[in-house]
Amino acid sequence: FAMQEACQWLCSRFEAIQDQMRSPQGCRLLELYCGFGAHTVPLARSSAVGSVLAVELDKRLADAAKQNCVLNGVADKVTIVEGDAGMAGQKACAGSDVYDVLLVDPPRSGLDCNVRQMA
């Protein structure tokens, strides 16, 4: 129940961001350490989020996130990348893609050096 409330609160923050942006396409989200998609799926289901690039190092979790996106009908809005969050995040931000929001849910070991430098 707590996770559901947290996701609802998070979606409301994205709606506020989208209102400020006045973007009918929704926010472009870069999510690092996405795990199995606990935040990815509800955010992608929100009309406030237009697209998600989600990064997860653990292959099993990345595969589970992909499956969760398919099962929840959001696979068309989400790209799951299996890889190091810091390296993938820096690569994504250095390219031509622009993200409106960076969401980081770090592992217990904390943020790696590359992700800390992005902040």
C-alpha atoms as a PDB file:
ATOM      1  CA  PHE A   1       0.000   0.000   0.000  1.00  0.00           C
ATOM      2  CA  ALA A   2       2.839   2.409   0.798  1.00  0.00           C
ATOM      3  CA  MET A   3       4.405   1.850  -2.627  1.00  0.00           C
ATOM      4  CA  GLN A   4       1.079   2.585  -4.322  1.00  0.00           C
ATOM      5  CA  GLU A   5       0.742   5.855  -2.409  1.00  0.00           C
ATOM      6  CA  ALA A   6       4.338   6.773  -3.209  1.00  0.00           C
ATOM      7  CA  CYS A   7       3.770   6.140  -6.923  1.00  0.00           C
ATOM      8  CA  GLN A   8       0.566   8.195  -6.890  1.00  0.00           C
ATOM      9  CA  TRP A   9       2.439  11.071  -5.239  1.00  0.00           C
ATOM     10  CA  LEU A  10       5.264  10.745  -7.773  1.00  0.00           C
ATOM     11  CA  CYS A  11       2.794  10.811 -10.683  1.00  0.00           C
ATOM     12  CA  SER A  12       1.235  13.976  -9.268  1.00  0.00           C
ATOM     13  CA  ARG A  13       4.679  15.638  -9.271  1.00  0.00           C
ATOM     14  CA  PHE A  14       5.118  14.712 -12.940  1.00  0.00           C
ATOM     15  CA  GLU A  15       1.693  16.203 -13.719  1.00  0.00           C
ATOM     16  CA  ALA A  16       2.818  19.442 -12.068  1.00  0.00           C
ATOM     17  CA  ILE A  17       6.026  19.425 -14.124  1.00  0.00           C
ATOM     18  CA  GLN A  18       4.076  18.786 -17.324  1.00  0.00           C
ATOM     19  CA  ASP A  19       1.724  21.676 -16.491  1.00  0.00           C
ATOM     20  CA  GLN A  20       4.703  23.996 -16.079  1.00  0.00           C
ATOM     21  CA  MET A  21       6.243  22.773 -19.329  1.00  0.00           C
ATOM     22  CA  ARG A  22       2.948  23.075 -21.207  1.00  0.00           C
ATOM     23  CA  SER A  23       3.995  20.033 -23.218  1.00  0.00           C
ATOM     24  CA  PRO A  24       1.173  17.941 -24.681  1.00  0.00           C
ATOM     25  CA  GLN A  25       3.666  15.102 -25.316  1.00  0.00           C
ATOM     26  CA  GLY A  26       4.468  14.689 -21.630  1.00  0.00           C
ATOM     27  CA  CYS A  27       7.782  14.683 -19.802  1.00  0.00           C
ATOM     28  CA  ARG A  28      10.788  12.817 -21.105  1.00  0.00           C
ATOM     29  CA  LEU A  29      12.084  10.779 -18.191  1.00  0.00           C
ATOM     30  CA  LEU A  30      15.542   9.312 -17.651  1.00  0.00           C
ATOM     31  CA  GLU A  31      15.319   6.770 -14.827  1.00  0.00           C
ATOM     32  CA  LEU A  32      18.501   5.309 -13.353  1.00  0.00           C
ATOM     33  CA  TYR A  33      18.532   2.111 -11.285  1.00  0.00           C
ATOM     34  CA  CYS A  34      15.024   1.168 -12.457  1.00  0.00           C
ATOM     35  CA  GLY A  35      15.059  -2.322 -10.938  1.00  0.00           C
ATOM     36  CA  PHE A  36      12.077  -4.374 -12.073  1.00  0.00           C
ATOM     37  CA  GLY A  37      10.082  -1.278 -13.010  1.00  0.00           C
ATOM     38  CA  ALA A  38       8.288  -0.425  -9.768  1.00  0.00           C
ATOM     39  CA  HIS A  39       8.403   3.281 -10.656  1.00  0.00           C
ATOM     40  CA  THR A  40       8.799   2.852 -14.398  1.00  0.00           C
ATOM     41  CA  VAL A  41       5.406   1.254 -15.053  1.00  0.00           C
ATOM     42  CA  PRO A  42       3.141   3.606 -13.066  1.00  0.00           C
ATOM     43  CA  LEU A  43       4.969   6.657 -14.383  1.00  0.00           C
ATOM     44  CA  ALA A  44       4.753   5.420 -17.971  1.00  0.00           C
ATOM     45  CA  ARG A  45       1.013   4.830 -17.478  1.00  0.00           C
ATOM     46  CA  SER A  46       0.601   8.477 -16.458  1.00  0.00           C
ATOM     47  CA  SER A  47      -0.387  10.882 -19.217  1.00  0.00           C
ATOM     48  CA  ALA A  48       2.166  13.305 -17.744  1.00  0.00           C
ATOM     49  CA  VAL A  49       5.035  11.104 -18.960  1.00  0.00           C
ATOM     50  CA  GLY A  50       5.599  10.850 -22.693  1.00  0.00           C
ATOM     51  CA  SER A  51       8.633   8.574 -22.792  1.00  0.00           C
ATOM     52  CA  VAL A  52      10.999   6.797 -20.439  1.00  0.00           C
ATOM     53  CA  LEU A  53      14.574   5.641 -20.820  1.00  0.00           C
ATOM     54  CA  ALA A  54      15.167   3.338 -17.839  1.00  0.00           C
ATOM     55  CA  VAL A  55      18.559   1.872 -16.948  1.00  0.00           C
ATOM     56  CA  GLU A  56      19.309  -1.194 -14.813  1.00  0.00           C
ATOM     57  CA  LEU A  57      22.605  -3.057 -14.396  1.00  0.00           C
ATOM     58  CA  ASP A  58      21.198  -6.402 -13.230  1.00  0.00           C
ATOM     59  CA  LYS A  59      20.110  -8.434 -16.270  1.00  0.00           C
ATOM     60  CA  ARG A  60      17.392 -10.280 -14.339  1.00  0.00           C
ATOM     61  CA  LEU A  61      15.866  -7.007 -13.143  1.00  0.00           C
ATOM     62  CA  ALA A  62      16.171  -5.375 -16.573  1.00  0.00           C
ATOM     63  CA  ASP A  63      14.404  -8.385 -18.140  1.00  0.00           C
ATOM     64  CA  ALA A  64      11.705  -8.234 -15.454  1.00  0.00           C
ATOM     65  CA  ALA A  65      11.237  -4.497 -16.120  1.00  0.00           C
ATOM     66  CA  LYS A  66      10.799  -5.189 -19.835  1.00  0.00           C
ATOM     67  CA  GLN A  67       8.252  -7.893 -19.089  1.00  0.00           C
ATOM     68  CA  ASN A  68       6.397  -5.632 -16.640  1.00  0.00           C
ATOM     69  CA  CYS A  69       6.199  -2.921 -19.288  1.00  0.00           C
ATOM     70  CA  VAL A  70       4.750  -5.381 -21.808  1.00  0.00           C
ATOM     71  CA  LEU A  71       2.263  -6.818 -19.291  1.00  0.00           C
ATOM     72  CA  ASN A  72       1.116  -3.318 -18.340  1.00  0.00           C
ATOM     73  CA  GLY A  73       0.802  -1.998 -21.879  1.00  0.00           C
ATOM     74  CA  VAL A  74       3.523   0.649 -21.699  1.00  0.00           C
ATOM     75  CA  ALA A  75       6.292  -0.994 -23.720  1.00  0.00           C
ATOM     76  CA  ASP A  76       5.743   1.560 -26.507  1.00  0.00           C
ATOM     77  CA  LYS A  77       6.659   4.421 -24.118  1.00  0.00           C
ATOM     78  CA  VAL A  78       9.576   2.752 -22.333  1.00  0.00           C
ATOM     79  CA  THR A  79      13.071   1.758 -23.396  1.00  0.00           C
ATOM     80  CA  ILE A  80      14.906  -0.418 -20.883  1.00  0.00           C
ATOM     81  CA  VAL A  81      18.693  -0.394 -21.146  1.00  0.00           C
ATOM     82  CA  GLU A  82      20.736  -3.037 -19.370  1.00  0.00           C
ATOM     83  CA  GLY A  83      23.943  -1.440 -18.197  1.00  0.00           C
ATOM     84  CA  ASP A  84      25.780   0.722 -15.724  1.00  0.00           C
ATOM     85  CA  ALA A  85      23.526   3.595 -14.649  1.00  0.00           C
ATOM     86  CA  GLY A  86      26.289   6.171 -14.551  1.00  0.00           C
ATOM     87  CA  MET A  87      27.732   5.314 -17.933  1.00  0.00           C
ATOM     88  CA  ALA A  88      24.329   4.956 -19.616  1.00  0.00           C
ATOM     89  CA  GLY A  89      23.075   8.170 -18.035  1.00  0.00           C
ATOM     90  CA  GLN A  90      26.072  10.160 -19.164  1.00  0.00           C
ATOM     91  CA  LYS A  91      25.824   8.681 -22.668  1.00  0.00           C
ATOM     92  CA  ALA A  92      22.114   9.523 -22.859  1.00  0.00           C
ATOM     93  CA  CYS A  93      22.687  13.104 -21.716  1.00  0.00           C
ATOM     94  CA  ALA A  94      25.663  13.590 -24.062  1.00  0.00           C
ATOM     95  CA  GLY A  95      23.626  12.555 -27.110  1.00  0.00           C
ATOM     96  CA  SER A  96      20.963  14.456 -28.978  1.00  0.00           C
ATOM     97  CA  ASP A  97      18.168  13.307 -26.645  1.00  0.00           C
ATOM     98  CA  VAL A  98      16.975  15.770 -24.034  1.00  0.00           C
ATOM     99  CA  TYR A  99      15.317  14.664 -20.802  1.00  0.00           C
ATOM    100  CA  ASP A 100      13.036  16.798 -18.680  1.00  0.00           C
ATOM    101  CA  VAL A 101      13.371  14.759 -15.496  1.00  0.00           C
ATOM    102  CA  LEU A 102      16.053  12.553 -13.977  1.00  0.00           C
ATOM    103  CA  LEU A 103      14.690   9.982 -11.521  1.00  0.00           C
ATOM    104  CA  VAL A 104      17.212   8.114  -9.399  1.00  0.00           C
ATOM    105  CA  ASP A 105      16.322   5.325  -6.977  1.00  0.00           C
ATOM    106  CA  PRO A 106      19.805   4.204  -5.966  1.00  0.00           C
ATOM    107  CA  PRO A 107      20.795   0.819  -4.623  1.00  0.00           C
ATOM    108  CA  ARG A 108      21.678   0.467  -0.959  1.00  0.00           C
ATOM    109  CA  SER A 109      25.339   0.850  -1.849  1.00  0.00           C
ATOM    110  CA  GLY A 110      24.578   4.394  -3.030  1.00  0.00           C
ATOM    111  CA  LEU A 111      25.078   6.335  -6.228  1.00  0.00           C
ATOM    112  CA  ASP A 112      28.114   5.597  -8.282  1.00  0.00           C
ATOM    113  CA  CYS A 113      30.585   8.354  -9.077  1.00  0.00           C
ATOM    114  CA  ASN A 114      29.301   8.977 -12.632  1.00  0.00           C
ATOM    115  CA  VAL A 115      25.705   9.494 -11.446  1.00  0.00           C
ATOM    116  CA  ARG A 116      26.811  11.881  -8.673  1.00  0.00           C
ATOM    117  CA  GLN A 117      28.589  13.977 -11.302  1.00  0.00           C
ATOM    118  CA  MET A 118      25.342  14.276 -13.313  1.00  0.00           C
ATOM    119  CA  ALA A 119      23.593  16.049 -10.429  1.00  0.00           C
END
